[in-house]
Amino acid sequence: MSTLTYRNSNGQLVDLPAVAATRLKNGLGSVMEQVMRGGAVAITRHEAPKAVLLAYDEFVALTRDRAPVLNDLAAEYDTLLGRMQTPAARKAVSNAFNATPEEMGRAAVKAARKKR
């Protein structure tokens, strides 16, 4: 049996046993036991990984860890959107769209000098 290496929900590198899809089809019970002992098994087809069978607890841990990140991103998006809705931001966007090519060029040079 081959193994693959992956990072689990705790951030640790773990060797993941791999089984061929035909072995899964013919011996689901033994593969399920292996998943329950080790947390996951990679399913391969022609020796290439195609899917992962996870223990339910590992799945819950992986999805739970992702939720706060999405909530943080949503809050950051809401903050940025709020800043873009101010009168000053609206005026800046209007000025940018109505700027002449010369004004755009001067603004670009000014911004480039600030970054040095």
N, C-alpha and C. Protein backbone atom coordinates (compact mmCIF):
# COMPACT_ATOMS: atom_id res chain seq x y z
N MET A 1 0.85 -1.17 0.00
CA MET A 1 0.00 0.00 0.00
C MET A 1 0.90 1.24 0.00
N SER A 2 0.57 2.21 -0.83
CA SER A 2 1.36 3.44 -0.91
C SER A 2 0.82 4.46 0.09
N THR A 3 1.58 5.54 0.27
CA THR A 3 1.14 6.60 1.16
C THR A 3 1.35 7.95 0.48
N LEU A 4 0.54 8.91 0.88
CA LEU A 4 0.68 10.31 0.48
C LEU A 4 0.85 11.12 1.75
N THR A 5 1.45 12.29 1.65
CA THR A 5 1.61 13.15 2.82
C THR A 5 0.69 14.35 2.68
N TYR A 6 -0.02 14.67 3.75
CA TYR A 6 -0.91 15.84 3.76
C TYR A 6 -0.83 16.52 5.11
N ARG A 7 -1.37 17.73 5.19
CA ARG A 7 -1.39 18.48 6.45
C ARG A 7 -2.79 18.34 7.04
N ASN A 8 -2.88 17.81 8.26
CA ASN A 8 -4.18 17.59 8.89
C ASN A 8 -4.75 18.88 9.47
N SER A 9 -5.88 18.79 10.14
CA SER A 9 -6.54 19.99 10.68
C SER A 9 -5.75 20.65 11.79
N ASN A 10 -4.78 19.97 12.37
CA ASN A 10 -3.90 20.56 13.39
C ASN A 10 -2.64 21.16 12.78
N GLY A 11 -2.52 21.10 11.45
CA GLY A 11 -1.34 21.65 10.79
C GLY A 11 -0.16 20.69 10.75
N GLN A 12 -0.35 19.47 11.18
CA GLN A 12 0.73 18.49 11.21
C GLN A 12 0.80 17.73 9.89
N LEU A 13 2.03 17.43 9.43
CA LEU A 13 2.19 16.59 8.25
C LEU A 13 1.93 15.15 8.65
N VAL A 14 1.07 14.50 7.91
CA VAL A 14 0.65 13.14 8.22
C VAL A 14 0.77 12.29 6.96
N ASP A 15 1.25 11.05 7.12
CA ASP A 15 1.26 10.11 6.01
C ASP A 15 -0.13 9.54 5.87
N LEU A 16 -0.66 9.66 4.66
CA LEU A 16 -2.02 9.23 4.36
C LEU A 16 -1.95 7.93 3.55
N PRO A 17 -2.50 6.84 4.08
CA PRO A 17 -2.51 5.62 3.28
C PRO A 17 -3.36 5.79 2.03
N ALA A 18 -2.96 5.18 0.95
CA ALA A 18 -3.69 5.28 -0.31
C ALA A 18 -4.14 3.90 -0.74
N VAL A 19 -5.37 3.82 -1.23
CA VAL A 19 -5.91 2.56 -1.75
C VAL A 19 -6.46 2.80 -3.14
N ALA A 20 -6.36 1.79 -3.96
CA ALA A 20 -6.90 1.87 -5.32
C ALA A 20 -8.43 1.85 -5.26
N ALA A 21 -9.05 2.51 -6.20
CA ALA A 21 -10.51 2.59 -6.25
C ALA A 21 -11.12 1.19 -6.32
N THR A 22 -10.48 0.28 -7.02
CA THR A 22 -11.04 -1.09 -7.10
C THR A 22 -11.00 -1.78 -5.75
N ARG A 23 -9.95 -1.53 -4.95
CA ARG A 23 -9.89 -2.12 -3.61
C ARG A 23 -11.00 -1.53 -2.74
N LEU A 24 -11.26 -0.22 -2.89
CA LEU A 24 -12.35 0.40 -2.14
C LEU A 24 -13.68 -0.24 -2.50
N LYS A 25 -13.88 -0.41 -3.79
CA LYS A 25 -15.14 -0.98 -4.27
C LYS A 25 -15.33 -2.41 -3.74
N ASN A 26 -14.26 -3.19 -3.74
CA ASN A 26 -14.36 -4.60 -3.34
C ASN A 26 -14.22 -4.82 -1.84
N GLY A 27 -13.66 -3.84 -1.12
CA GLY A 27 -13.45 -4.04 0.32
C GLY A 27 -13.75 -2.80 1.13
N LEU A 28 -14.94 -2.25 0.93
CA LEU A 28 -15.32 -1.01 1.60
C LEU A 28 -15.20 -1.13 3.12
N GLY A 29 -15.59 -2.24 3.67
CA GLY A 29 -15.57 -2.42 5.13
C GLY A 29 -14.17 -2.26 5.70
N SER A 30 -13.19 -2.91 5.08
CA SER A 30 -11.82 -2.82 5.61
C SER A 30 -11.24 -1.43 5.41
N VAL A 31 -11.58 -0.77 4.31
CA VAL A 31 -11.10 0.60 4.09
C VAL A 31 -11.75 1.54 5.10
N MET A 32 -13.02 1.35 5.41
CA MET A 32 -13.69 2.18 6.42
C MET A 32 -13.02 2.00 7.78
N GLU A 33 -12.66 0.78 8.12
CA GLU A 33 -11.95 0.54 9.39
C GLU A 33 -10.63 1.30 9.41
N GLN A 34 -9.93 1.29 8.30
CA GLN A 34 -8.67 2.01 8.19
C GLN A 34 -8.89 3.52 8.36
N VAL A 35 -9.96 4.05 7.77
CA VAL A 35 -10.29 5.47 7.92
C VAL A 35 -10.57 5.77 9.39
N MET A 36 -11.33 4.94 10.04
CA MET A 36 -11.68 5.18 11.44
C MET A 36 -10.44 5.15 12.34
N ARG A 37 -9.45 4.35 12.00
CA ARG A 37 -8.21 4.30 12.79
C ARG A 37 -7.30 5.47 12.48
N GLY A 38 -7.20 5.84 11.20
CA GLY A 38 -6.20 6.84 10.81
C GLY A 38 -6.74 8.20 10.43
N GLY A 39 -8.04 8.35 10.31
CA GLY A 39 -8.61 9.65 10.00
C GLY A 39 -8.89 9.89 8.54
N ALA A 40 -8.12 9.26 7.64
CA ALA A 40 -8.33 9.49 6.20
C ALA A 40 -7.60 8.45 5.39
N VAL A 41 -8.10 8.24 4.17
CA VAL A 41 -7.47 7.35 3.20
C VAL A 41 -7.62 8.01 1.84
N ALA A 42 -6.54 8.06 1.09
CA ALA A 42 -6.60 8.59 -0.28
C ALA A 42 -7.08 7.49 -1.21
N ILE A 43 -7.95 7.82 -2.14
CA ILE A 43 -8.44 6.88 -3.13
C ILE A 43 -7.73 7.21 -4.44
N THR A 44 -7.11 6.21 -5.03
CA THR A 44 -6.34 6.44 -6.26
C THR A 44 -6.97 5.71 -7.43
N ARG A 45 -6.70 6.22 -8.60
CA ARG A 45 -7.06 5.54 -9.84
C ARG A 45 -5.84 5.62 -10.72
N HIS A 46 -5.36 4.49 -11.17
CA HIS A 46 -4.13 4.41 -11.96
C HIS A 46 -2.97 5.08 -11.22
N GLU A 47 -2.91 4.83 -9.90
CA GLU A 47 -1.86 5.31 -9.00
C GLU A 47 -1.83 6.82 -8.80
N ALA A 48 -2.83 7.55 -9.28
CA ALA A 48 -2.91 8.99 -9.07
C ALA A 48 -4.03 9.28 -8.07
N PRO A 49 -3.78 10.12 -7.06
CA PRO A 49 -4.84 10.42 -6.08
C PRO A 49 -6.01 11.14 -6.74
N LYS A 50 -7.22 10.67 -6.45
CA LYS A 50 -8.43 11.25 -7.04
C LYS A 50 -9.42 11.75 -6.00
N ALA A 51 -9.39 11.19 -4.78
CA ALA A 51 -10.33 11.58 -3.74
C ALA A 51 -9.75 11.19 -2.38
N VAL A 52 -10.39 11.69 -1.33
CA VAL A 52 -9.99 11.34 0.03
C VAL A 52 -11.23 10.97 0.81
N LEU A 53 -11.17 9.86 1.49
CA LEU A 53 -12.24 9.42 2.37
C LEU A 53 -11.82 9.80 3.78
N LEU A 54 -12.58 10.71 4.42
CA LEU A 54 -12.24 11.24 5.74
C LEU A 54 -13.15 10.68 6.81
N ALA A 55 -12.59 10.52 8.02
CA ALA A 55 -13.43 10.24 9.18
C ALA A 55 -14.26 11.49 9.45
N TYR A 56 -15.46 11.31 9.95
CA TYR A 56 -16.36 12.43 10.16
C TYR A 56 -15.75 13.47 11.10
N ASP A 57 -15.09 13.04 12.16
CA ASP A 57 -14.48 13.99 13.11
C ASP A 57 -13.42 14.86 12.43
N GLU A 58 -12.65 14.27 11.52
CA GLU A 58 -11.63 15.03 10.79
C GLU A 58 -12.31 16.03 9.85
N PHE A 59 -13.36 15.63 9.20
CA PHE A 59 -14.12 16.53 8.32
C PHE A 59 -14.66 17.72 9.11
N VAL A 60 -15.27 17.46 10.26
CA VAL A 60 -15.82 18.53 11.10
C VAL A 60 -14.71 19.49 11.52
N ALA A 61 -13.56 18.95 11.93
CA ALA A 61 -12.45 19.80 12.36
C ALA A 61 -11.95 20.67 11.21
N LEU A 62 -11.86 20.12 10.02
CA LEU A 62 -11.40 20.91 8.87
C LEU A 62 -12.38 22.00 8.50
N THR A 63 -13.65 21.71 8.51
CA THR A 63 -14.64 22.72 8.12
C THR A 63 -14.85 23.75 9.22
N ARG A 64 -14.75 23.35 10.46
CA ARG A 64 -14.91 24.29 11.57
C ARG A 64 -13.76 25.30 11.57
N ASP A 65 -12.54 24.85 11.29
CA ASP A 65 -11.39 25.75 11.26
C ASP A 65 -11.51 26.77 10.15
N ARG A 66 -12.22 26.46 9.10
CA ARG A 66 -12.36 27.36 7.97
C ARG A 66 -13.37 28.47 8.25
N ALA A 67 -14.39 28.21 9.05
CA ALA A 67 -15.47 29.17 9.27
C ALA A 67 -15.00 30.51 9.83
N PRO A 68 -14.15 30.56 10.87
CA PRO A 68 -13.74 31.87 11.37
C PRO A 68 -12.99 32.69 10.31
N VAL A 69 -12.24 32.04 9.47
CA VAL A 69 -11.51 32.75 8.42
C VAL A 69 -12.51 33.42 7.47
N LEU A 70 -13.54 32.70 7.08
CA LEU A 70 -14.55 33.27 6.19
C LEU A 70 -15.29 34.42 6.87
N ASN A 71 -15.58 34.27 8.15
CA ASN A 71 -16.25 35.35 8.87
C ASN A 71 -15.34 36.58 8.96
N ASP A 72 -14.04 36.37 9.18
CA ASP A 72 -13.10 37.49 9.22
C ASP A 72 -13.04 38.19 7.88
N LEU A 73 -13.02 37.41 6.79
CA LEU A 73 -12.99 38.00 5.46
C LEU A 73 -14.27 38.79 5.18
N ALA A 74 -15.39 38.28 5.60
CA ALA A 74 -16.66 38.98 5.39
C ALA A 74 -16.65 40.30 6.15
N ALA A 75 -16.13 40.31 7.37
CA ALA A 75 -16.08 41.55 8.14
C ALA A 75 -15.13 42.54 7.49
N GLU A 76 -14.00 42.05 6.99
CA GLU A 76 -13.05 42.94 6.31
C GLU A 76 -13.67 43.53 5.05
N TYR A 77 -14.39 42.70 4.30
CA TYR A 77 -15.08 43.18 3.10
C TYR A 77 -16.10 44.26 3.45
N ASP A 78 -16.88 44.02 4.49
CA ASP A 78 -17.89 45.00 4.90
C ASP A 78 -17.23 46.33 5.28
N THR A 79 -16.09 46.27 5.96
CA THR A 79 -15.37 47.49 6.33
C THR A 79 -14.88 48.24 5.10
N LEU A 80 -14.28 47.50 4.17
CA LEU A 80 -13.80 48.14 2.94
C LEU A 80 -14.95 48.73 2.13
N LEU A 81 -16.03 48.00 2.04
CA LEU A 81 -17.20 48.50 1.31
C LEU A 81 -17.74 49.77 1.96
N GLY A 82 -17.77 49.79 3.27
CA GLY A 82 -18.23 50.98 3.97
C GLY A 82 -17.35 52.19 3.68
N ARG A 83 -16.03 51.96 3.62
CA ARG A 83 -15.12 53.06 3.30
C ARG A 83 -15.30 53.55 1.87
N MET A 84 -15.68 52.66 0.97
CA MET A 84 -15.87 53.06 -0.43
C MET A 84 -17.18 53.82 -0.64
N GLN A 85 -18.06 53.77 0.33
CA GLN A 85 -19.36 54.42 0.19
C GLN A 85 -19.39 55.83 0.77
N THR A 86 -18.27 56.33 1.26
CA THR A 86 -18.23 57.67 1.84
C THR A 86 -18.26 58.73 0.73
N PRO A 87 -18.69 59.94 1.07
CA PRO A 87 -18.67 61.02 0.07
C PRO A 87 -17.27 61.28 -0.50
N ALA A 88 -16.24 61.21 0.35
CA ALA A 88 -14.87 61.45 -0.13
C ALA A 88 -14.45 60.38 -1.14
N ALA A 89 -14.82 59.13 -0.89
CA ALA A 89 -14.47 58.05 -1.82
C ALA A 89 -15.22 58.22 -3.13
N ARG A 90 -16.49 58.59 -3.06
CA ARG A 90 -17.27 58.80 -4.28
C ARG A 90 -16.66 59.93 -5.12
N LYS A 91 -16.23 61.01 -4.43
CA LYS A 91 -15.63 62.13 -5.13
C LYS A 91 -14.31 61.71 -5.79
N ALA A 92 -13.51 60.92 -5.09
CA ALA A 92 -12.23 60.46 -5.64
C ALA A 92 -12.44 59.59 -6.89
N VAL A 93 -13.42 58.71 -6.85
CA VAL A 93 -13.71 57.86 -8.01
C VAL A 93 -14.21 58.72 -9.17
N SER A 94 -15.07 59.67 -8.88
CA SER A 94 -15.57 60.57 -9.92
C SER A 94 -14.42 61.35 -10.55
N ASN A 95 -13.52 61.87 -9.71
CA ASN A 95 -12.36 62.61 -10.22
C ASN A 95 -11.47 61.72 -11.10
N ALA A 96 -11.28 60.47 -10.69
CA ALA A 96 -10.43 59.55 -11.46
C ALA A 96 -11.05 59.28 -12.84
N PHE A 97 -12.35 59.06 -12.87
CA PHE A 97 -13.00 58.78 -14.15
C PHE A 97 -13.09 60.00 -15.06
N ASN A 98 -13.08 61.17 -14.48
CA ASN A 98 -13.18 62.39 -15.27
C ASN A 98 -11.84 63.07 -15.52
N ALA A 99 -10.75 62.46 -15.08
CA ALA A 99 -9.42 63.07 -15.23
C ALA A 99 -8.98 63.06 -16.69
N THR A 100 -8.23 64.07 -17.04
CA THR A 100 -7.64 64.13 -18.39
C THR A 100 -6.44 63.20 -18.43
N PRO A 101 -5.97 62.84 -19.61
CA PRO A 101 -4.77 62.00 -19.70
C PRO A 101 -3.57 62.63 -18.99
N GLU A 102 -3.43 63.94 -19.07
CA GLU A 102 -2.31 64.61 -18.41
C GLU A 102 -2.43 64.47 -16.89
N GLU A 103 -3.63 64.64 -16.36
CA GLU A 103 -3.83 64.50 -14.91
C GLU A 103 -3.56 63.07 -14.46
N MET A 104 -3.98 62.11 -15.26
CA MET A 104 -3.71 60.70 -14.93
C MET A 104 -2.21 60.43 -14.93
N GLY A 105 -1.51 60.99 -15.90
CA GLY A 105 -0.06 60.80 -15.98
C GLY A 105 0.64 61.38 -14.76
N ARG A 106 0.25 62.61 -14.35
CA ARG A 106 0.86 63.23 -13.17
C ARG A 106 0.57 62.40 -11.92
N ALA A 107 -0.65 61.90 -11.79
CA ALA A 107 -1.01 61.09 -10.63
C ALA A 107 -0.20 59.79 -10.61
N ALA A 108 -0.01 59.18 -11.77
CA ALA A 108 0.77 57.94 -11.84
C ALA A 108 2.21 58.18 -11.44
N VAL A 109 2.81 59.27 -11.94
CA VAL A 109 4.21 59.59 -11.59
C VAL A 109 4.31 59.85 -10.08
N LYS A 110 3.36 60.59 -9.54
CA LYS A 110 3.36 60.91 -8.11
C LYS A 110 3.26 59.63 -7.27
N ALA A 111 2.39 58.73 -7.67
CA ALA A 111 2.22 57.46 -6.93
C ALA A 111 3.47 56.60 -7.03
N ALA A 112 4.10 56.59 -8.19
CA ALA A 112 5.32 55.79 -8.38
C ALA A 112 6.46 56.33 -7.52
N ARG A 113 6.55 57.64 -7.39
CA ARG A 113 7.62 58.24 -6.57
C ARG A 113 7.41 57.91 -5.09
N LYS A 114 6.18 57.83 -4.63
CA LYS A 114 5.89 57.53 -3.23
C LYS A 114 6.37 56.12 -2.86
N LYS A 115 6.33 55.18 -3.81
CA LYS A 115 6.66 53.78 -3.53
C LYS A 115 8.16 53.54 -3.41
N ARG A 116 8.99 54.47 -3.86
CA ARG A 116 10.44 54.27 -3.80
C ARG A 116 10.97 54.41 -2.45
